[in-house]
């Protein structure tokens, strides 16, 4: 079954940066578009960024466009999220998963942006 292990979260001041990592297993990673999602306290989980399986095409939510960068390493079954210019409203638990019909959610990694 699909498995995702996220890491790299923490406490950061507004304007700071973090790099999240996700190790994926249980499926043919290179064939699948991969995404980062997040869930803030009291809110629904939302799609943050996607990287497609071929060509490196990416897509971002308007709220993070220009600040976050998603990347992947198909040789390691890893997906990354570089987050710059962080804002308090970026505070959330961040998850990675496949873009289409995500399931088998991991534990996520908590990002807290606060002074």
PDB file of N, CA and C in Angstrom:
ATOM      1  N   UNK A   1       0.842  -1.184   0.000  1.00  0.00           N
ATOM      2  CA  UNK A   1       0.000   0.000   0.000  1.00  0.00           C
ATOM      3  C   UNK A   1       0.879   1.237   0.000  1.00  0.00           C
ATOM      4  N   UNK A   2       0.257   2.360  -0.386  1.00  0.00           N
ATOM      5  CA  UNK A   2       1.002   3.611  -0.435  1.00  0.00           C
ATOM      6  C   UNK A   2       1.424   4.014   0.979  1.00  0.00           C
ATOM      7  N   UNK A   3       2.632   4.554   1.081  1.00  0.00           N
ATOM      8  CA  UNK A   3       3.131   5.030   2.365  1.00  0.00           C
ATOM      9  C   UNK A   3       3.911   6.310   2.159  1.00  0.00           C
ATOM     10  N   UNK A   4       3.688   7.269   3.064  1.00  0.00           N
ATOM     11  CA  UNK A   4       4.343   8.567   2.984  1.00  0.00           C
ATOM     12  C   UNK A   4       4.879   8.942   4.356  1.00  0.00           C
ATOM     13  N   UNK A   5       6.140   9.394   4.403  1.00  0.00           N
ATOM     14  CA  UNK A   5       6.748   9.835   5.648  1.00  0.00           C
ATOM     15  C   UNK A   5       7.293  11.242   5.428  1.00  0.00           C
ATOM     16  N   UNK A   6       6.655  12.210   6.072  1.00  0.00           N
ATOM     17  CA  UNK A   6       7.030  13.612   5.924  1.00  0.00           C
ATOM     18  C   UNK A   6       7.978  14.034   7.052  1.00  0.00           C
ATOM     19  N   UNK A   7       8.857  14.973   6.750  1.00  0.00           N
ATOM     20  CA  UNK A   7       9.778  15.483   7.758  1.00  0.00           C
ATOM     21  C   UNK A   7      10.205  16.902   7.387  1.00  0.00           C
ATOM     22  N   UNK A   8      10.845  17.581   8.347  1.00  0.00           N
ATOM     23  CA  UNK A   8      11.404  18.889   8.067  1.00  0.00           C
ATOM     24  C   UNK A   8      10.645  20.069   8.653  1.00  0.00           C
ATOM     25  N   UNK A   9       9.513  19.813   9.270  1.00  0.00           N
ATOM     26  CA  UNK A   9       8.755  20.906   9.857  1.00  0.00           C
ATOM     27  C   UNK A   9       9.422  21.462  11.105  1.00  0.00           C
ATOM     28  N   UNK A  10       8.839  22.536  11.629  1.00  0.00           N
ATOM     29  CA  UNK A  10       9.370  23.146  12.838  1.00  0.00           C
ATOM     30  C   UNK A  10       8.801  24.526  13.061  1.00  0.00           C
ATOM     31  N   UNK A  11       9.393  25.231  14.015  1.00  0.00           N
ATOM     32  CA  UNK A  11       8.994  26.595  14.341  1.00  0.00           C
ATOM     33  C   UNK A  11       9.924  27.561  13.613  1.00  0.00           C
ATOM     34  N   UNK A  12       9.353  28.512  12.917  1.00  0.00           N
ATOM     35  CA  UNK A  12      10.144  29.486  12.173  1.00  0.00           C
ATOM     36  C   UNK A  12       9.479  30.855  12.300  1.00  0.00           C
ATOM     37  N   UNK A  13      10.296  31.891  12.278  1.00  0.00           N
ATOM     38  CA  UNK A  13       9.771  33.247  12.345  1.00  0.00           C
ATOM     39  C   UNK A  13       9.199  33.675  11.003  1.00  0.00           C
ATOM     40  N   UNK A  14       8.262  34.605  11.009  1.00  0.00           N
ATOM     41  CA  UNK A  14       7.758  35.143   9.740  1.00  0.00           C
ATOM     42  C   UNK A  14       8.911  35.643   8.865  1.00  0.00           C
ATOM     43  N   UNK A  15       8.835  35.322   7.584  1.00  0.00           N
ATOM     44  CA  UNK A  15       9.900  35.671   6.649  1.00  0.00           C
ATOM     45  C   UNK A  15      10.968  34.613   6.514  1.00  0.00           C
ATOM     46  N   UNK A  16      10.930  33.603   7.365  1.00  0.00           N
ATOM     47  CA  UNK A  16      11.923  32.546   7.335  1.00  0.00           C
ATOM     48  C   UNK A  16      11.638  31.486   6.288  1.00  0.00           C
ATOM     49  N   UNK A  17      12.490  30.450   6.285  1.00  0.00           N
ATOM     50  CA  UNK A  17      12.397  29.380   5.296  1.00  0.00           C
ATOM     51  C   UNK A  17      12.463  28.016   5.969  1.00  0.00           C
ATOM     52  N   UNK A  18      11.858  27.050   5.323  1.00  0.00           N
ATOM     53  CA  UNK A  18      11.944  25.643   5.716  1.00  0.00           C
ATOM     54  C   UNK A  18      11.931  24.806   4.458  1.00  0.00           C
ATOM     55  N   UNK A  19      12.538  23.606   4.554  1.00  0.00           N
ATOM     56  CA  UNK A  19      12.480  22.646   3.457  1.00  0.00           C
ATOM     57  C   UNK A  19      11.889  21.352   3.996  1.00  0.00           C
ATOM     58  N   UNK A  20      10.758  20.978   3.437  1.00  0.00           N
ATOM     59  CA  UNK A  20      10.101  19.732   3.813  1.00  0.00           C
ATOM     60  C   UNK A  20      10.536  18.613   2.871  1.00  0.00           C
ATOM     61  N   UNK A  21      10.596  17.398   3.421  1.00  0.00           N
ATOM     62  CA  UNK A  21      10.919  16.214   2.635  1.00  0.00           C
ATOM     63  C   UNK A  21       9.846  15.158   2.837  1.00  0.00           C
ATOM     64  N   UNK A  22       9.672  14.327   1.821  1.00  0.00           N
ATOM     65  CA  UNK A  22       8.703  13.245   1.909  1.00  0.00           C
ATOM     66  C   UNK A  22       9.270  12.011   1.227  1.00  0.00           C
ATOM     67  N   UNK A  23       9.299  10.914   1.975  1.00  0.00           N
ATOM     68  CA  UNK A  23       9.706   9.628   1.417  1.00  0.00           C
ATOM     69  C   UNK A  23       8.452   8.833   1.085  1.00  0.00           C
ATOM     70  N   UNK A  24       8.349   8.404  -0.173  1.00  0.00           N
ATOM     71  CA  UNK A  24       7.165   7.687  -0.636  1.00  0.00           C
ATOM     72  C   UNK A  24       7.529   6.247  -0.983  1.00  0.00           C
ATOM     73  N   UNK A  25       6.588   5.332  -0.776  1.00  0.00           N
ATOM     74  CA  UNK A  25       6.826   3.935  -1.117  1.00  0.00           C
ATOM     75  C   UNK A  25       5.497   3.237  -1.370  1.00  0.00           C
ATOM     76  N   UNK A  26       5.583   2.033  -1.938  1.00  0.00           N
ATOM     77  CA  UNK A  26       4.387   1.226  -2.147  1.00  0.00           C
ATOM     78  C   UNK A  26       3.726   1.394  -3.497  1.00  0.00           C
ATOM     79  N   UNK A  27       4.344   2.164  -4.386  1.00  0.00           N
ATOM     80  CA  UNK A  27       3.788   2.364  -5.721  1.00  0.00           C
ATOM     81  C   UNK A  27       4.919   2.804  -6.640  1.00  0.00           C
ATOM     82  N   UNK A  28       4.622   2.877  -7.939  1.00  0.00           N
ATOM     83  CA  UNK A  28       5.632   3.290  -8.920  1.00  0.00           C
ATOM     84  C   UNK A  28       5.708   4.810  -8.911  1.00  0.00           C
ATOM     85  N   UNK A  29       6.621   5.309  -8.117  1.00  0.00           N
ATOM     86  CA  UNK A  29       6.702   6.740  -7.827  1.00  0.00           C
ATOM     87  C   UNK A  29       6.850   7.581  -9.083  1.00  0.00           C
ATOM     88  N   UNK A  30       7.705   7.169  -9.978  1.00  0.00           N
ATOM     89  CA  UNK A  30       8.025   8.004 -11.140  1.00  0.00           C
ATOM     90  C   UNK A  30       6.834   8.189 -12.063  1.00  0.00           C
ATOM     91  N   UNK A  31       5.815   7.347 -11.945  1.00  0.00           N
ATOM     92  CA  UNK A  31       4.649   7.423 -12.827  1.00  0.00           C
ATOM     93  C   UNK A  31       3.597   8.417 -12.331  1.00  0.00           C
ATOM     94  N   UNK A  32       3.707   8.828 -11.061  1.00  0.00           N
ATOM     95  CA  UNK A  32       2.609   9.557 -10.429  1.00  0.00           C
ATOM     96  C   UNK A  32       2.939  11.023 -10.208  1.00  0.00           C
ATOM     97  N   UNK A  33       1.955  11.884 -10.462  1.00  0.00           N
ATOM     98  CA  UNK A  33       2.066  13.267 -10.026  1.00  0.00           C
ATOM     99  C   UNK A  33       1.991  13.290  -8.495  1.00  0.00           C
ATOM    100  N   UNK A  34       2.842  14.099  -7.891  1.00  0.00           N
ATOM    101  CA  UNK A  34       2.920  14.171  -6.429  1.00  0.00           C
ATOM    102  C   UNK A  34       2.563  15.571  -5.954  1.00  0.00           C
ATOM    103  N   UNK A  35       1.952  15.628  -4.783  1.00  0.00           N
ATOM    104  CA  UNK A  35       1.501  16.914  -4.257  1.00  0.00           C
ATOM    105  C   UNK A  35       1.823  17.062  -2.778  1.00  0.00           C
ATOM    106  N   UNK A  36       1.910  18.286  -2.366  1.00  0.00           N
ATOM    107  CA  UNK A  36       1.909  18.651  -0.962  1.00  0.00           C
ATOM    108  C   UNK A  36       0.550  19.247  -0.634  1.00  0.00           C
ATOM    109  N   UNK A  37       0.027  18.862   0.528  1.00  0.00           N
ATOM    110  CA  UNK A  37      -1.222  19.369   1.042  1.00  0.00           C
ATOM    111  C   UNK A  37      -0.940  19.930   2.445  1.00  0.00           C
ATOM    112  N   UNK A  38      -1.872  20.737   2.946  1.00  0.00           N
ATOM    113  CA  UNK A  38      -1.734  21.198   4.319  1.00  0.00           C
ATOM    114  C   UNK A  38      -3.109  21.349   4.968  1.00  0.00           C
ATOM    115  N   UNK A  39      -3.102  21.244   6.290  1.00  0.00           N
ATOM    116  CA  UNK A  39      -4.329  21.408   7.046  1.00  0.00           C
ATOM    117  C   UNK A  39      -4.036  22.282   8.252  1.00  0.00           C
ATOM    118  N   UNK A  40      -4.619  23.463   8.249  1.00  0.00           N
ATOM    119  CA  UNK A  40      -4.481  24.387   9.361  1.00  0.00           C
ATOM    120  C   UNK A  40      -5.520  24.049  10.432  1.00  0.00           C
ATOM    121  N   UNK A  41      -5.275  24.458  11.669  1.00  0.00           N
ATOM    122  CA  UNK A  41      -6.221  24.170  12.746  1.00  0.00           C
ATOM    123  C   UNK A  41      -7.621  24.661  12.412  1.00  0.00           C
ATOM    124  N   UNK A  42      -8.601  23.788  12.512  1.00  0.00           N
ATOM    125  CA  UNK A  42      -9.989  24.153  12.284  1.00  0.00           C
ATOM    126  C   UNK A  42     -10.380  24.333  10.831  1.00  0.00           C
ATOM    127  N   UNK A  43      -9.483  23.959   9.911  1.00  0.00           N
ATOM    128  CA  UNK A  43      -9.768  24.146   8.490  1.00  0.00           C
ATOM    129  C   UNK A  43      -9.678  22.820   7.737  1.00  0.00           C
ATOM    130  N   UNK A  44     -10.209  22.815   6.528  1.00  0.00           N
ATOM    131  CA  UNK A  44     -10.129  21.652   5.661  1.00  0.00           C
ATOM    132  C   UNK A  44      -8.713  21.509   5.110  1.00  0.00           C
ATOM    133  N   UNK A  45      -8.355  20.269   4.781  1.00  0.00           N
ATOM    134  CA  UNK A  45      -7.075  20.044   4.108  1.00  0.00           C
ATOM    135  C   UNK A  45      -7.131  20.677   2.721  1.00  0.00           C
ATOM    136  N   UNK A  46      -6.036  21.333   2.318  1.00  0.00           N
ATOM    137  CA  UNK A  46      -6.012  21.993   1.014  1.00  0.00           C
ATOM    138  C   UNK A  46      -4.771  21.592   0.226  1.00  0.00           C
ATOM    139  N   UNK A  47      -4.907  21.645  -1.078  1.00  0.00           N
ATOM    140  CA  UNK A  47      -3.802  21.352  -1.993  1.00  0.00           C
ATOM    141  C   UNK A  47      -2.896  22.565  -2.077  1.00  0.00           C
ATOM    142  N   UNK A  48      -1.592  22.339  -1.915  1.00  0.00           N
ATOM    143  CA  UNK A  48      -0.626  23.440  -1.908  1.00  0.00           C
ATOM    144  C   UNK A  48       0.184  23.480  -3.199  1.00  0.00           C
ATOM    145  N   UNK A  49       0.718  22.336  -3.612  1.00  0.00           N
ATOM    146  CA  UNK A  49       1.608  22.310  -4.777  1.00  0.00           C
ATOM    147  C   UNK A  49       1.621  20.916  -5.381  1.00  0.00           C
ATOM    148  N   UNK A  50       1.824  20.858  -6.689  1.00  0.00           N
ATOM    149  CA  UNK A  50       1.873  19.601  -7.435  1.00  0.00           C
ATOM    150  C   UNK A  50       3.054  19.618  -8.385  1.00  0.00           C
ATOM    151  N   UNK A  51       3.708  18.462  -8.510  1.00  0.00           N
ATOM    152  CA  UNK A  51       4.720  18.276  -9.549  1.00  0.00           C
ATOM    153  C   UNK A  51       4.342  17.042 -10.335  1.00  0.00           C
ATOM    154  N   UNK A  52       4.291  17.178 -11.644  1.00  0.00           N
ATOM    155  CA  UNK A  52       3.830  16.101 -12.484  1.00  0.00           C
ATOM    156  C   UNK A  52       4.968  15.125 -12.778  1.00  0.00           C
ATOM    157  N   UNK A  53       4.574  13.938 -13.265  1.00  0.00           N
ATOM    158  CA  UNK A  53       5.536  12.840 -13.356  1.00  0.00           C
ATOM    159  C   UNK A  53       6.552  13.031 -14.465  1.00  0.00           C
ATOM    160  N   UNK A  54       6.165  13.725 -15.500  1.00  0.00           N
ATOM    161  CA  UNK A  54       7.087  13.932 -16.609  1.00  0.00           C
ATOM    162  C   UNK A  54       7.184  15.406 -16.942  1.00  0.00           C
ATOM    163  N   UNK A  55       8.335  15.808 -17.367  1.00  0.00           N
ATOM    164  CA  UNK A  55       8.530  17.177 -17.802  1.00  0.00           C
ATOM    165  C   UNK A  55       8.750  18.178 -16.683  1.00  0.00           C
ATOM    166  N   UNK A  56       8.528  17.758 -15.442  1.00  0.00           N
ATOM    167  CA  UNK A  56       8.787  18.658 -14.334  1.00  0.00           C
ATOM    168  C   UNK A  56       7.791  19.788 -14.167  1.00  0.00           C
ATOM    169  N   UNK A  57       6.656  19.690 -14.848  1.00  0.00           N
ATOM    170  CA  UNK A  57       5.663  20.770 -14.729  1.00  0.00           C
ATOM    171  C   UNK A  57       5.131  20.834 -13.301  1.00  0.00           C
ATOM    172  N   UNK A  58       4.955  22.064 -12.813  1.00  0.00           N
ATOM    173  CA  UNK A  58       4.491  22.270 -11.444  1.00  0.00           C
ATOM    174  C   UNK A  58       3.259  23.171 -11.431  1.00  0.00           C
ATOM    175  N   UNK A  59       2.547  23.123 -10.318  1.00  0.00           N
ATOM    176  CA  UNK A  59       1.360  23.943 -10.140  1.00  0.00           C
ATOM    177  C   UNK A  59       1.248  24.289  -8.661  1.00  0.00           C
ATOM    178  N   UNK A  60       0.797  25.518  -8.374  1.00  0.00           N
ATOM    179  CA  UNK A  60       0.763  25.991  -6.997  1.00  0.00           C
ATOM    180  C   UNK A  60      -0.576  26.659  -6.682  1.00  0.00           C
ATOM    181  N   UNK A  61      -0.965  26.576  -5.427  1.00  0.00           N
ATOM    182  CA  UNK A  61      -2.089  27.378  -4.957  1.00  0.00           C
ATOM    183  C   UNK A  61      -1.684  28.847  -5.011  1.00  0.00           C
ATOM    184  N   UNK A  62      -2.654  29.712  -5.272  1.00  0.00           N
ATOM    185  CA  UNK A  62      -2.343  31.139  -5.371  1.00  0.00           C
ATOM    186  C   UNK A  62      -1.694  31.670  -4.097  1.00  0.00           C
ATOM    187  N   UNK A  63      -2.065  31.114  -2.975  1.00  0.00           N
ATOM    188  CA  UNK A  63      -1.579  31.613  -1.692  1.00  0.00           C
ATOM    189  C   UNK A  63      -0.084  31.371  -1.477  1.00  0.00           C
ATOM    190  N   UNK A  64       0.518  30.452  -2.231  1.00  0.00           N
ATOM    191  CA  UNK A  64       1.938  30.141  -2.037  1.00  0.00           C
ATOM    192  C   UNK A  64       2.773  30.411  -3.282  1.00  0.00           C
ATOM    193  N   UNK A  65       2.127  30.785  -4.358  1.00  0.00           N
ATOM    194  CA  UNK A  65       2.834  30.993  -5.625  1.00  0.00           C
ATOM    195  C   UNK A  65       3.913  32.062  -5.450  1.00  0.00           C
ATOM    196  N   UNK A  66       5.117  31.753  -5.937  1.00  0.00           N
ATOM    197  CA  UNK A  66       6.229  32.684  -5.827  1.00  0.00           C
ATOM    198  C   UNK A  66       7.018  32.547  -4.538  1.00  0.00           C
ATOM    199  N   UNK A  67       6.494  31.778  -3.586  1.00  0.00           N
ATOM    200  CA  UNK A  67       7.190  31.587  -2.306  1.00  0.00           C
ATOM    201  C   UNK A  67       7.604  30.140  -2.078  1.00  0.00           C
ATOM    202  N   UNK A  68       6.810  29.197  -2.581  1.00  0.00           N
ATOM    203  CA  UNK A  68       7.085  27.769  -2.381  1.00  0.00           C
ATOM    204  C   UNK A  68       7.551  27.152  -3.705  1.00  0.00           C
ATOM    205  N   UNK A  69       8.428  26.150  -3.593  1.00  0.00           N
ATOM    206  CA  UNK A  69       8.900  25.410  -4.759  1.00  0.00           C
ATOM    207  C   UNK A  69       8.859  23.916  -4.455  1.00  0.00           C
ATOM    208  N   UNK A  70       8.143  23.169  -5.303  1.00  0.00           N
ATOM    209  CA  UNK A  70       8.078  21.717  -5.160  1.00  0.00           C
ATOM    210  C   UNK A  70       9.073  21.091  -6.123  1.00  0.00           C
ATOM    211  N   UNK A  71       9.699  19.999  -5.670  1.00  0.00           N
ATOM    212  CA  UNK A  71      10.635  19.274  -6.528  1.00  0.00           C
ATOM    213  C   UNK A  71      10.571  17.785  -6.167  1.00  0.00           C
ATOM    214  N   UNK A  72      11.188  16.961  -7.013  1.00  0.00           N
ATOM    215  CA  UNK A  72      11.168  15.530  -6.769  1.00  0.00           C
ATOM    216  C   UNK A  72      12.466  14.897  -7.237  1.00  0.00           C
ATOM    217  N   UNK A  73      12.782  13.755  -6.628  1.00  0.00           N
ATOM    218  CA  UNK A  73      13.936  12.955  -7.032  1.00  0.00           C
ATOM    219  C   UNK A  73      13.411  11.540  -7.258  1.00  0.00           C
ATOM    220  N   UNK A  74      13.181  11.185  -8.515  1.00  0.00           N
ATOM    221  CA  UNK A  74      12.600   9.882  -8.830  1.00  0.00           C
ATOM    222  C   UNK A  74      13.540   8.731  -8.487  1.00  0.00           C
ATOM    223  N   UNK A  75      14.853   8.992  -8.435  1.00  0.00           N
ATOM    224  CA  UNK A  75      15.810   7.935  -8.097  1.00  0.00           C
ATOM    225  C   UNK A  75      15.737   7.556  -6.615  1.00  0.00           C
ATOM    226  N   UNK A  76      15.173   8.464  -5.803  1.00  0.00           N
ATOM    227  CA  UNK A  76      15.091   8.225  -4.352  1.00  0.00           C
ATOM    228  C   UNK A  76      13.650   8.130  -3.848  1.00  0.00           C
ATOM    229  N   UNK A  77      12.698   8.256  -4.753  1.00  0.00           N
ATOM    230  CA  UNK A  77      11.283   8.283  -4.349  1.00  0.00           C
ATOM    231  C   UNK A  77      11.017   9.364  -3.310  1.00  0.00           C
ATOM    232  N   UNK A  78      11.557  10.550  -3.574  1.00  0.00           N
ATOM    233  CA  UNK A  78      11.434  11.660  -2.633  1.00  0.00           C
ATOM    234  C   UNK A  78      10.768  12.848  -3.316  1.00  0.00           C
ATOM    235  N   UNK A  79      10.011  13.588  -2.535  1.00  0.00           N
ATOM    236  CA  UNK A  79       9.444  14.856  -2.987  1.00  0.00           C
ATOM    237  C   UNK A  79       9.739  15.896  -1.912  1.00  0.00           C
ATOM    238  N   UNK A  80       9.984  17.118  -2.347  1.00  0.00           N
ATOM    239  CA  UNK A  80      10.424  18.189  -1.454  1.00  0.00           C
ATOM    240  C   UNK A  80       9.537  19.415  -1.622  1.00  0.00           C
ATOM    241  N   UNK A  81       9.514  20.244  -0.574  1.00  0.00           N
ATOM    242  CA  UNK A  81       8.827  21.533  -0.655  1.00  0.00           C
ATOM    243  C   UNK A  81       9.709  22.577   0.003  1.00  0.00           C
ATOM    244  N   UNK A  82      10.282  23.451  -0.804  1.00  0.00           N
ATOM    245  CA  UNK A  82      11.060  24.576  -0.292  1.00  0.00           C
ATOM    246  C   UNK A  82      10.102  25.729  -0.040  1.00  0.00           C
ATOM    247  N   UNK A  83      10.059  26.193   1.192  1.00  0.00           N
ATOM    248  CA  UNK A  83       9.131  27.246   1.577  1.00  0.00           C
ATOM    249  C   UNK A  83       9.922  28.476   2.027  1.00  0.00           C
ATOM    250  N   UNK A  84       9.753  29.564   1.315  1.00  0.00           N
ATOM    251  CA  UNK A  84      10.429  30.820   1.630  1.00  0.00           C
ATOM    252  C   UNK A  84       9.396  31.882   1.991  1.00  0.00           C
ATOM    253  N   UNK A  85       9.882  32.957   2.601  1.00  0.00           N
ATOM    254  CA  UNK A  85       9.016  34.085   2.964  1.00  0.00           C
ATOM    255  C   UNK A  85       7.760  33.600   3.693  1.00  0.00           C
ATOM    256  N   UNK A  86       7.959  32.761   4.670  1.00  0.00           N
ATOM    257  CA  UNK A  86       6.833  32.158   5.370  1.00  0.00           C
ATOM    258  C   UNK A  86       6.025  33.195   6.140  1.00  0.00           C
ATOM    259  N   UNK A  87       4.724  32.943   6.186  1.00  0.00           N
ATOM    260  CA  UNK A  87       3.769  33.828   6.862  1.00  0.00           C
ATOM    261  C   UNK A  87       3.046  33.059   7.963  1.00  0.00           C
ATOM    262  N   UNK A  88       2.519  33.749   8.941  1.00  0.00           N
ATOM    263  CA  UNK A  88       1.770  33.042  10.002  1.00  0.00           C
ATOM    264  C   UNK A  88       0.638  32.184   9.445  1.00  0.00           C
ATOM    265  N   UNK A  89       0.028  32.617   8.347  1.00  0.00           N
ATOM    266  CA  UNK A  89      -1.075  31.843   7.774  1.00  0.00           C
ATOM    267  C   UNK A  89      -0.601  30.566   7.085  1.00  0.00           C
ATOM    268  N   UNK A  90       0.696  30.350   6.980  1.00  0.00           N
ATOM    269  CA  UNK A  90       1.229  29.088   6.473  1.00  0.00           C
ATOM    270  C   UNK A  90       1.285  28.015   7.564  1.00  0.00           C
ATOM    271  N   UNK A  91       1.000  28.385   8.787  1.00  0.00           N
ATOM    272  CA  UNK A  91       1.006  27.430   9.887  1.00  0.00           C
ATOM    273  C   UNK A  91      -0.008  26.327   9.638  1.00  0.00           C
ATOM    274  N   UNK A  92       0.469  25.076   9.649  1.00  0.00           N
ATOM    275  CA  UNK A  92      -0.390  23.927   9.328  1.00  0.00           C
ATOM    276  C   UNK A  92       0.420  22.647   9.474  1.00  0.00           C
ATOM    277  N   UNK A  93      -0.274  21.531   9.429  1.00  0.00           N
ATOM    278  CA  UNK A  93       0.370  20.239   9.249  1.00  0.00           C
ATOM    279  C   UNK A  93       0.446  19.994   7.746  1.00  0.00           C
ATOM    280  N   UNK A  94       1.632  19.682   7.263  1.00  0.00           N
ATOM    281  CA  UNK A  94       1.868  19.482   5.835  1.00  0.00           C
ATOM    282  C   UNK A  94       2.005  17.985   5.547  1.00  0.00           C
ATOM    283  N   UNK A  95       1.332  17.561   4.491  1.00  0.00           N
ATOM    284  CA  UNK A  95       1.327  16.172   4.067  1.00  0.00           C
ATOM    285  C   UNK A  95       1.724  16.081   2.598  1.00  0.00           C
ATOM    286  N   UNK A  96       2.359  14.973   2.239  1.00  0.00           N
ATOM    287  CA  UNK A  96       2.533  14.695   0.815  1.00  0.00           C
ATOM    288  C   UNK A  96       1.672  13.499   0.458  1.00  0.00           C
ATOM    289  N   UNK A  97       1.318  13.407  -0.823  1.00  0.00           N
ATOM    290  CA  UNK A  97       0.510  12.303  -1.313  1.00  0.00           C
ATOM    291  C   UNK A  97       0.486  12.389  -2.823  1.00  0.00           C
ATOM    292  N   UNK A  98      -0.104  11.397  -3.452  1.00  0.00           N
ATOM    293  CA  UNK A  98      -0.299  11.457  -4.886  1.00  0.00           C
ATOM    294  C   UNK A  98      -1.327  12.528  -5.198  1.00  0.00           C
ATOM    295  N   UNK A  99      -1.270  13.081  -6.381  1.00  0.00           N
ATOM    296  CA  UNK A  99      -2.196  14.150  -6.783  1.00  0.00           C
ATOM    297  C   UNK A  99      -3.595  13.619  -7.030  1.00  0.00           C
ATOM    298  N   UNK A 100      -3.695  12.455  -7.635  1.00  0.00           N
ATOM    299  CA  UNK A 100      -4.986  11.888  -8.011  1.00  0.00           C
ATOM    300  C   UNK A 100      -5.436  10.864  -6.973  1.00  0.00           C
ATOM    301  N   UNK A 101      -6.618  11.060  -6.424  1.00  0.00           N
ATOM    302  CA  UNK A 101      -7.214  10.155  -5.432  1.00  0.00           C
ATOM    303  C   UNK A 101      -6.265   9.853  -4.275  1.00  0.00           C
ATOM    304  N   UNK A 102      -5.825  10.860  -3.557  1.00  0.00           N
ATOM    305  CA  UNK A 102      -4.902  10.625  -2.441  1.00  0.00           C
ATOM    306  C   UNK A 102      -5.538   9.770  -1.350  1.00  0.00           C
ATOM    307  N   UNK A 103      -4.724   8.912  -0.762  1.00  0.00           N
ATOM    308  CA  UNK A 103      -5.197   8.043   0.317  1.00  0.00           C
ATOM    309  C   UNK A 103      -3.995   7.629   1.163  1.00  0.00           C
ATOM    310  N   UNK A 104      -4.241   6.823   2.201  1.00  0.00           N
ATOM    311  CA  UNK A 104      -3.173   6.349   3.077  1.00  0.00           C
ATOM    312  C   UNK A 104      -2.290   7.514   3.520  1.00  0.00           C
ATOM    313  N   UNK A 105      -2.907   8.496   4.140  1.00  0.00           N
ATOM    314  CA  UNK A 105      -2.190   9.684   4.578  1.00  0.00           C
ATOM    315  C   UNK A 105      -1.157   9.344   5.650  1.00  0.00           C
ATOM    316  N   UNK A 106       0.002  10.013   5.559  1.00  0.00           N
ATOM    317  CA  UNK A 106       1.017   9.888   6.582  1.00  0.00           C
ATOM    318  C   UNK A 106       0.671  10.753   7.780  1.00  0.00           C
ATOM    319  N   UNK A 107       1.612  10.862   8.722  1.00  0.00           N
ATOM    320  CA  UNK A 107       1.371  11.655   9.928  1.00  0.00           C
ATOM    321  C   UNK A 107       1.550  13.142   9.678  1.00  0.00           C
ATOM    322  N   UNK A 108       2.210  13.484   8.591  1.00  0.00           N
ATOM    323  CA  UNK A 108       2.447  14.890   8.300  1.00  0.00           C
ATOM    324  C   UNK A 108       3.579  15.461   9.136  1.00  0.00           C
ATOM    325  N   UNK A 109       3.914  16.719   8.839  1.00  0.00           N
ATOM    326  CA  UNK A 109       4.936  17.429   9.604  1.00  0.00           C
ATOM    327  C   UNK A 109       4.409  18.829   9.900  1.00  0.00           C
ATOM    328  N   UNK A 110       4.530  19.237  11.160  1.00  0.00           N
ATOM    329  CA  UNK A 110       3.943  20.498  11.611  1.00  0.00           C
ATOM    330  C   UNK A 110       4.875  21.659  11.317  1.00  0.00           C
ATOM    331  N   UNK A 111       4.319  22.667  10.654  1.00  0.00           N
ATOM    332  CA  UNK A 111       5.024  23.922  10.408  1.00  0.00           C
ATOM    333  C   UNK A 111       4.316  25.016  11.188  1.00  0.00           C
ATOM    334  N   UNK A 112       5.063  25.693  12.045  1.00  0.00           N
ATOM    335  CA  UNK A 112       4.517  26.790  12.831  1.00  0.00           C
ATOM    336  C   UNK A 112       5.297  28.049  12.504  1.00  0.00           C
ATOM    337  N   UNK A 113       4.595  29.070  12.027  1.00  0.00           N
ATOM    338  CA  UNK A 113       5.228  30.347  11.693  1.00  0.00           C
ATOM    339  C   UNK A 113       4.760  31.375  12.707  1.00  0.00           C
ATOM    340  N   UNK A 114       5.679  31.777  13.553  1.00  0.00           N
ATOM    341  CA  UNK A 114       5.313  32.676  14.648  1.00  0.00           C
ATOM    342  C   UNK A 114       6.546  33.385  15.166  1.00  0.00           C
ATOM    343  N   UNK A 115       6.344  34.616  15.628  1.00  0.00           N
ATOM    344  CA  UNK A 115       7.441  35.360  16.241  1.00  0.00           C
ATOM    345  C   UNK A 115       7.432  35.174  17.748  1.00  0.00           C
TER     346      UNK A 115
END
